[in-house]
Protein backbone atom coordinates (compact mmCIF):
# COMPACT_ATOMS: atom_id res chain seq x y z
CA MET A 1 13.07 85.34 -51.76
CA THR A 2 14.72 85.19 -55.16
CA LYS A 3 17.18 82.50 -56.13
CA LEU A 4 20.00 85.05 -56.03
CA GLY A 5 19.03 85.96 -52.45
CA GLN A 6 19.04 82.30 -51.46
CA TRP A 7 22.51 81.79 -52.94
CA LEU A 8 23.85 84.93 -51.28
CA CYS A 9 22.43 83.94 -47.89
CA GLY A 10 23.96 80.48 -48.23
CA LEU A 11 27.32 81.90 -49.26
CA ALA A 12 27.27 84.38 -46.38
CA LEU A 13 26.48 81.60 -43.92
CA LEU A 14 29.21 79.32 -45.25
CA GLY A 15 31.69 82.18 -45.53
CA SER A 16 31.14 83.33 -41.98
CA ALA A 17 31.45 79.79 -40.64
CA TRP A 18 34.65 79.30 -42.61
CA ALA A 19 36.08 82.64 -41.41
CA ALA A 20 35.20 81.84 -37.80
CA LEU A 21 37.06 78.52 -38.01
CA ALA A 22 39.96 79.73 -40.18
CA LEU A 23 40.73 82.76 -38.01
CA ALA A 24 40.91 80.46 -34.97
CA PRO A 25 39.40 82.44 -32.11
CA PRO A 26 41.39 82.29 -28.83
CA GLY A 27 39.25 79.56 -27.24
CA LEU A 28 39.35 77.26 -30.28
CA ARG A 29 42.42 75.46 -31.54
CA LEU A 30 41.89 73.06 -34.41
CA PRO A 31 44.28 70.16 -34.99
CA ALA A 32 46.76 70.71 -37.82
CA PRO A 33 45.16 68.26 -40.32
CA TYR A 34 41.76 69.97 -39.95
CA ARG A 35 43.31 73.38 -40.33
CA GLN A 36 45.22 72.31 -43.46
CA ALA A 37 41.99 71.01 -45.00
CA LEU A 38 40.01 74.08 -43.92
CA LEU A 39 42.18 76.80 -45.42
CA PRO A 40 41.82 75.86 -49.13
CA LEU A 41 38.13 74.91 -48.70
CA PRO A 42 36.74 77.98 -50.59
CA VAL A 43 38.85 77.07 -53.63
CA TYR A 44 37.59 73.48 -53.53
CA LEU A 45 34.00 74.70 -53.28
CA LEU A 46 34.49 77.08 -56.20
CA VAL A 47 35.89 74.25 -58.36
CA ALA A 48 33.02 71.97 -57.31
CA PHE A 49 30.49 74.68 -58.19
CA GLY A 50 32.11 75.13 -61.60
CA CYS A 51 31.95 71.38 -62.25
CA TYR A 52 28.30 71.30 -61.17
CA SER A 53 27.51 74.26 -63.45
CA LEU A 54 29.21 72.65 -66.46
CA ALA A 55 27.45 69.34 -65.81
CA THR A 56 24.07 71.07 -65.53
CA VAL A 57 24.55 73.04 -68.75
CA GLY A 58 25.74 69.90 -70.57
CA TYR A 59 22.78 67.88 -69.34
CA ARG A 60 20.29 70.57 -70.30
CA LEU A 61 21.85 70.84 -73.78
CA ALA A 62 21.78 67.08 -74.23
CA THR A 63 18.11 66.81 -73.25
CA PHE A 64 16.94 69.91 -75.14
CA ASN A 65 13.97 68.95 -77.29
CA ASP A 66 12.85 70.45 -80.58
CA CYS A 67 9.41 72.00 -80.91
CA GLU A 68 8.36 71.33 -84.49
CA GLU A 69 4.99 73.04 -84.01
CA ALA A 70 6.57 76.19 -82.64
CA ALA A 71 9.11 76.25 -85.49
CA ALA A 72 6.34 75.97 -88.08
CA GLU A 73 4.35 78.70 -86.34
CA LEU A 74 7.38 80.97 -86.26
CA GLN A 75 8.01 80.40 -89.97
CA GLU A 76 4.39 81.32 -90.69
CA HIS A 77 4.76 84.53 -88.67
CA ILE A 78 7.91 85.39 -90.63
CA ARG A 79 6.10 84.81 -93.95
CA ALA A 80 3.20 87.00 -92.79
CA ALA A 81 5.57 89.77 -91.66
CA ARG A 82 7.45 89.69 -94.99
CA ALA A 83 4.18 89.85 -96.92
CA ASP A 84 3.03 92.81 -94.80
CA LEU A 85 6.34 94.63 -95.27
CA SER A 86 6.30 93.94 -99.01
CA ARG A 87 2.81 95.43 -99.20
CA ARG A 88 4.13 98.55 -97.47
CA GLY A 89 6.91 98.95 -100.02
CA LEU A 90 9.96 97.32 -98.43
CA ARG A 91 12.05 95.32 -100.88
CA PHE A 92 13.97 92.22 -99.74
């Protein structure tokens, strides 16, 4: 299962549980404080997910390492491509 499928299954499970509690079926009556906390729960989860996403992106950017060998190899490939194109008549 792909990561998208896992997230969608999790969201469907949480969404159906939330809808079942928020719609209050006839046999289930939640106390008022629980109901007041339950109704805005999707908004709280969306904000928490956004914070988690920003923190993850920030952490990955802060710990991103440079690859000096790969940069040198890429520069060599660029030089070789320019030389090949110059041989074929392209002017830079």
